[in-house]
């Protein structure tokens, strides 16, 4: 993913509430992964494993949405208002292409 350094002055760190939300979602994903790993030691039912994997993906997807929302609310909007829309769009398209590769 390509980061446009020209937008650095427009970036804002995550607010404490949003940062806490992301950390909690990642901890939830980690908890589900730990459960899957432990369950695999006992020869679990495959659909139970798939259900847990789906829960991990859900937690990660929610994390992505939270981070993207922050980007849109702060960096993207600020870049458009500062006349740097093309740079913000290029950066966003790069990020979306990276996320698409994860599917």
N, C-alpha and C. Protein backbone atom coordinates (compact mmCIF):
# COMPACT_ATOMS: atom_id res chain seq x y z
N UNK A 1 0.85 -1.16 0.00
CA UNK A 1 0.00 0.00 0.00
C UNK A 1 0.90 1.22 0.00
N UNK A 2 0.60 2.13 -0.88
CA UNK A 2 1.41 3.33 -1.03
C UNK A 2 0.86 4.46 -0.17
N UNK A 3 1.73 5.02 0.66
CA UNK A 3 1.34 6.15 1.51
C UNK A 3 1.85 7.42 0.86
N UNK A 4 0.97 8.37 0.68
CA UNK A 4 1.34 9.64 0.08
C UNK A 4 1.86 10.56 1.17
N UNK A 5 3.16 10.79 1.18
CA UNK A 5 3.78 11.63 2.22
C UNK A 5 3.29 13.07 2.18
N UNK A 6 2.78 13.49 1.02
CA UNK A 6 2.26 14.85 0.90
C UNK A 6 1.02 15.09 1.75
N UNK A 7 0.40 14.02 2.22
CA UNK A 7 -0.80 14.14 3.07
C UNK A 7 -0.47 14.04 4.56
N UNK A 8 0.79 13.82 4.91
CA UNK A 8 1.15 13.59 6.31
C UNK A 8 0.68 14.70 7.25
N UNK A 9 0.77 15.94 6.82
CA UNK A 9 0.38 17.04 7.72
C UNK A 9 -1.14 17.04 7.98
N UNK A 10 -1.89 16.35 7.14
CA UNK A 10 -3.35 16.29 7.29
C UNK A 10 -3.81 15.10 8.13
N UNK A 11 -2.91 14.19 8.42
CA UNK A 11 -3.28 12.99 9.17
C UNK A 11 -3.49 13.31 10.64
N UNK A 12 -4.47 12.66 11.23
CA UNK A 12 -4.73 12.81 12.65
C UNK A 12 -4.70 11.42 13.29
N UNK A 13 -4.11 11.32 14.47
CA UNK A 13 -4.11 10.01 15.13
C UNK A 13 -5.53 9.61 15.53
N UNK A 14 -5.70 8.33 15.74
CA UNK A 14 -7.00 7.84 16.19
C UNK A 14 -7.38 8.45 17.53
N UNK A 15 -8.65 8.82 17.67
CA UNK A 15 -9.13 9.30 18.96
C UNK A 15 -9.12 8.13 19.94
N UNK A 16 -8.99 8.40 21.23
CA UNK A 16 -8.93 7.31 22.22
C UNK A 16 -10.10 6.33 22.11
N UNK A 17 -11.32 6.83 21.89
CA UNK A 17 -12.48 5.94 21.82
C UNK A 17 -12.38 5.01 20.60
N UNK A 18 -12.02 5.58 19.46
CA UNK A 18 -11.90 4.76 18.25
C UNK A 18 -10.73 3.79 18.36
N UNK A 19 -9.63 4.24 18.92
CA UNK A 19 -8.47 3.37 19.12
C UNK A 19 -8.84 2.20 20.03
N UNK A 20 -9.56 2.50 21.10
CA UNK A 20 -10.01 1.45 22.03
C UNK A 20 -10.93 0.47 21.32
N UNK A 21 -11.81 0.97 20.46
CA UNK A 21 -12.72 0.11 19.69
C UNK A 21 -11.92 -0.84 18.81
N UNK A 22 -10.91 -0.32 18.13
CA UNK A 22 -10.09 -1.16 17.26
C UNK A 22 -9.34 -2.21 18.06
N UNK A 23 -8.76 -1.81 19.18
CA UNK A 23 -8.03 -2.76 20.03
C UNK A 23 -8.98 -3.86 20.50
N UNK A 24 -10.18 -3.49 20.93
CA UNK A 24 -11.15 -4.48 21.40
C UNK A 24 -11.56 -5.45 20.29
N UNK A 25 -11.74 -4.94 19.08
CA UNK A 25 -12.10 -5.81 17.96
C UNK A 25 -10.96 -6.79 17.64
N UNK A 26 -9.73 -6.29 17.70
CA UNK A 26 -8.59 -7.17 17.43
C UNK A 26 -8.42 -8.21 18.54
N UNK A 27 -8.68 -7.82 19.76
CA UNK A 27 -8.63 -8.79 20.86
C UNK A 27 -9.72 -9.85 20.70
N UNK A 28 -10.88 -9.43 20.21
CA UNK A 28 -11.96 -10.38 19.95
C UNK A 28 -11.53 -11.38 18.89
N UNK A 29 -10.92 -10.87 17.81
CA UNK A 29 -10.43 -11.75 16.75
C UNK A 29 -9.39 -12.72 17.31
N UNK A 30 -8.48 -12.21 18.13
CA UNK A 30 -7.45 -13.06 18.74
C UNK A 30 -8.08 -14.13 19.62
N UNK A 31 -9.11 -13.76 20.36
CA UNK A 31 -9.80 -14.73 21.20
C UNK A 31 -10.42 -15.85 20.38
N UNK A 32 -11.05 -15.48 19.27
CA UNK A 32 -11.62 -16.50 18.39
C UNK A 32 -10.53 -17.40 17.81
N UNK A 33 -9.41 -16.81 17.41
CA UNK A 33 -8.29 -17.61 16.89
C UNK A 33 -7.76 -18.57 17.94
N UNK A 34 -7.60 -18.08 19.16
CA UNK A 34 -7.15 -18.96 20.25
C UNK A 34 -8.11 -20.12 20.45
N UNK A 35 -9.42 -19.82 20.36
CA UNK A 35 -10.43 -20.87 20.52
C UNK A 35 -10.32 -21.90 19.40
N UNK A 36 -10.10 -21.44 18.18
CA UNK A 36 -9.95 -22.36 17.05
C UNK A 36 -8.74 -23.27 17.26
N UNK A 37 -7.63 -22.68 17.65
CA UNK A 37 -6.39 -23.45 17.84
C UNK A 37 -6.58 -24.49 18.93
N UNK A 38 -7.20 -24.12 20.04
CA UNK A 38 -7.46 -25.08 21.11
C UNK A 38 -8.42 -26.17 20.65
N UNK A 39 -9.45 -25.78 19.93
CA UNK A 39 -10.43 -26.75 19.46
C UNK A 39 -9.80 -27.76 18.51
N UNK A 40 -8.85 -27.33 17.72
CA UNK A 40 -8.21 -28.24 16.76
C UNK A 40 -7.44 -29.37 17.45
N UNK A 41 -7.06 -29.14 18.68
CA UNK A 41 -6.37 -30.20 19.43
C UNK A 41 -7.33 -31.34 19.79
N UNK A 42 -8.64 -31.05 19.80
CA UNK A 42 -9.64 -32.05 20.18
C UNK A 42 -10.42 -32.60 19.00
N UNK A 43 -9.92 -32.37 17.76
CA UNK A 43 -10.59 -32.87 16.57
C UNK A 43 -12.03 -32.35 16.49
N UNK A 44 -12.21 -31.05 16.30
CA UNK A 44 -13.54 -30.44 16.33
C UNK A 44 -14.34 -30.73 15.06
N UNK A 45 -15.60 -30.45 15.17
CA UNK A 45 -16.51 -30.53 14.04
C UNK A 45 -16.14 -29.41 13.07
N UNK A 46 -15.93 -29.72 11.79
CA UNK A 46 -15.46 -28.71 10.83
C UNK A 46 -16.33 -27.45 10.75
N UNK A 47 -17.64 -27.60 10.86
CA UNK A 47 -18.50 -26.43 10.78
C UNK A 47 -18.31 -25.50 11.98
N UNK A 48 -17.96 -26.07 13.13
CA UNK A 48 -17.65 -25.22 14.29
C UNK A 48 -16.40 -24.39 14.03
N UNK A 49 -15.42 -25.00 13.39
CA UNK A 49 -14.19 -24.27 13.03
C UNK A 49 -14.53 -23.16 12.05
N UNK A 50 -15.32 -23.47 11.04
CA UNK A 50 -15.70 -22.46 10.05
C UNK A 50 -16.47 -21.30 10.69
N UNK A 51 -17.32 -21.62 11.65
CA UNK A 51 -18.09 -20.58 12.34
C UNK A 51 -17.14 -19.63 13.08
N UNK A 52 -16.12 -20.20 13.73
CA UNK A 52 -15.15 -19.37 14.44
C UNK A 52 -14.30 -18.54 13.47
N UNK A 53 -13.93 -19.13 12.35
CA UNK A 53 -13.17 -18.39 11.34
C UNK A 53 -14.01 -17.22 10.82
N UNK A 54 -15.30 -17.44 10.61
CA UNK A 54 -16.19 -16.37 10.16
C UNK A 54 -16.25 -15.26 11.21
N UNK A 55 -16.23 -15.62 12.48
CA UNK A 55 -16.24 -14.62 13.55
C UNK A 55 -14.96 -13.79 13.53
N UNK A 56 -13.83 -14.44 13.26
CA UNK A 56 -12.56 -13.72 13.14
C UNK A 56 -12.64 -12.73 11.99
N UNK A 57 -13.11 -13.19 10.85
CA UNK A 57 -13.23 -12.32 9.68
C UNK A 57 -14.16 -11.14 9.97
N UNK A 58 -15.24 -11.41 10.69
CA UNK A 58 -16.17 -10.33 11.04
C UNK A 58 -15.51 -9.28 11.91
N UNK A 59 -14.73 -9.72 12.89
CA UNK A 59 -14.03 -8.78 13.76
C UNK A 59 -12.99 -7.98 12.98
N UNK A 60 -12.28 -8.63 12.07
CA UNK A 60 -11.29 -7.93 11.25
C UNK A 60 -11.97 -6.96 10.27
N UNK A 61 -13.07 -7.38 9.68
CA UNK A 61 -13.81 -6.50 8.77
C UNK A 61 -14.31 -5.25 9.51
N UNK A 62 -14.79 -5.43 10.73
CA UNK A 62 -15.25 -4.28 11.52
C UNK A 62 -14.08 -3.35 11.85
N UNK A 63 -12.91 -3.93 12.08
CA UNK A 63 -11.71 -3.12 12.32
C UNK A 63 -11.37 -2.29 11.09
N UNK A 64 -11.44 -2.91 9.93
CA UNK A 64 -11.16 -2.20 8.67
C UNK A 64 -12.16 -1.06 8.48
N UNK A 65 -13.43 -1.32 8.71
CA UNK A 65 -14.44 -0.27 8.55
C UNK A 65 -14.19 0.90 9.50
N UNK A 66 -13.80 0.60 10.72
CA UNK A 66 -13.52 1.65 11.71
C UNK A 66 -12.32 2.49 11.28
N UNK A 67 -11.26 1.84 10.82
CA UNK A 67 -10.07 2.57 10.38
C UNK A 67 -10.36 3.39 9.12
N UNK A 68 -11.12 2.82 8.19
CA UNK A 68 -11.48 3.56 6.97
C UNK A 68 -12.34 4.77 7.29
N UNK A 69 -13.24 4.62 8.22
CA UNK A 69 -14.09 5.75 8.61
C UNK A 69 -13.24 6.88 9.16
N UNK A 70 -12.27 6.54 9.99
CA UNK A 70 -11.37 7.56 10.52
C UNK A 70 -10.62 8.25 9.38
N UNK A 71 -10.12 7.46 8.44
CA UNK A 71 -9.40 8.03 7.30
C UNK A 71 -10.29 8.99 6.53
N UNK A 72 -11.53 8.56 6.24
CA UNK A 72 -12.45 9.43 5.50
C UNK A 72 -12.77 10.70 6.28
N UNK A 73 -13.07 10.57 7.56
CA UNK A 73 -13.48 11.72 8.36
C UNK A 73 -12.36 12.73 8.53
N UNK A 74 -11.14 12.28 8.57
CA UNK A 74 -10.04 13.18 8.90
C UNK A 74 -9.13 13.43 7.70
N UNK A 75 -8.36 12.47 7.30
CA UNK A 75 -7.38 12.69 6.24
C UNK A 75 -8.03 12.99 4.90
N UNK A 76 -8.97 12.17 4.47
CA UNK A 76 -9.57 12.33 3.14
C UNK A 76 -10.30 13.67 3.01
N UNK A 77 -11.17 13.96 3.94
CA UNK A 77 -11.93 15.21 3.89
C UNK A 77 -10.98 16.41 3.98
N UNK A 78 -10.00 16.32 4.86
CA UNK A 78 -9.03 17.40 4.98
C UNK A 78 -8.24 17.61 3.69
N UNK A 79 -7.89 16.52 3.03
CA UNK A 79 -7.14 16.61 1.77
C UNK A 79 -8.00 17.24 0.68
N UNK A 80 -9.25 16.84 0.59
CA UNK A 80 -10.15 17.43 -0.40
C UNK A 80 -10.29 18.93 -0.13
N UNK A 81 -10.52 19.30 1.12
CA UNK A 81 -10.67 20.71 1.47
C UNK A 81 -9.39 21.51 1.22
N UNK A 82 -8.22 20.85 1.29
CA UNK A 82 -6.94 21.53 1.07
C UNK A 82 -6.53 21.50 -0.41
N UNK A 83 -7.41 20.98 -1.26
CA UNK A 83 -7.11 20.94 -2.69
C UNK A 83 -6.21 19.79 -3.09
N UNK A 84 -6.13 18.75 -2.26
CA UNK A 84 -5.28 17.59 -2.54
C UNK A 84 -6.12 16.33 -2.76
N UNK A 85 -7.26 16.51 -3.41
CA UNK A 85 -8.18 15.38 -3.61
C UNK A 85 -7.52 14.26 -4.40
N UNK A 86 -6.77 14.59 -5.46
CA UNK A 86 -6.15 13.53 -6.27
C UNK A 86 -5.21 12.66 -5.44
N UNK A 87 -4.43 13.28 -4.58
CA UNK A 87 -3.50 12.52 -3.73
C UNK A 87 -4.27 11.61 -2.78
N UNK A 88 -5.34 12.13 -2.19
CA UNK A 88 -6.14 11.34 -1.26
C UNK A 88 -6.83 10.19 -1.97
N UNK A 89 -7.34 10.44 -3.17
CA UNK A 89 -8.01 9.39 -3.95
C UNK A 89 -7.00 8.31 -4.34
N UNK A 90 -5.80 8.72 -4.78
CA UNK A 90 -4.77 7.74 -5.13
C UNK A 90 -4.41 6.86 -3.93
N UNK A 91 -4.25 7.49 -2.77
CA UNK A 91 -3.91 6.74 -1.57
C UNK A 91 -5.03 5.77 -1.19
N UNK A 92 -6.25 6.25 -1.26
CA UNK A 92 -7.40 5.40 -0.94
C UNK A 92 -7.51 4.23 -1.92
N UNK A 93 -7.34 4.48 -3.20
CA UNK A 93 -7.42 3.41 -4.19
C UNK A 93 -6.34 2.37 -3.95
N UNK A 94 -5.16 2.80 -3.55
CA UNK A 94 -4.08 1.89 -3.22
C UNK A 94 -4.47 0.99 -2.03
N UNK A 95 -5.06 1.62 -1.01
CA UNK A 95 -5.49 0.86 0.17
C UNK A 95 -6.59 -0.13 -0.19
N UNK A 96 -7.55 0.29 -1.01
CA UNK A 96 -8.64 -0.60 -1.39
C UNK A 96 -8.14 -1.77 -2.24
N UNK A 97 -7.17 -1.51 -3.10
CA UNK A 97 -6.59 -2.60 -3.90
C UNK A 97 -5.91 -3.61 -2.99
N UNK A 98 -5.22 -3.13 -1.96
CA UNK A 98 -4.57 -4.02 -1.01
C UNK A 98 -5.61 -4.87 -0.27
N UNK A 99 -6.69 -4.25 0.16
CA UNK A 99 -7.73 -4.99 0.87
C UNK A 99 -8.38 -6.02 -0.04
N UNK A 100 -8.54 -5.69 -1.29
CA UNK A 100 -9.14 -6.63 -2.26
C UNK A 100 -8.29 -7.88 -2.39
N UNK A 101 -6.96 -7.73 -2.29
CA UNK A 101 -6.06 -8.86 -2.40
C UNK A 101 -6.25 -9.84 -1.26
N UNK A 102 -6.80 -9.38 -0.15
CA UNK A 102 -6.99 -10.24 1.01
C UNK A 102 -8.15 -11.21 0.84
N UNK A 103 -9.06 -10.93 -0.10
CA UNK A 103 -10.23 -11.82 -0.29
C UNK A 103 -9.85 -13.17 -0.81
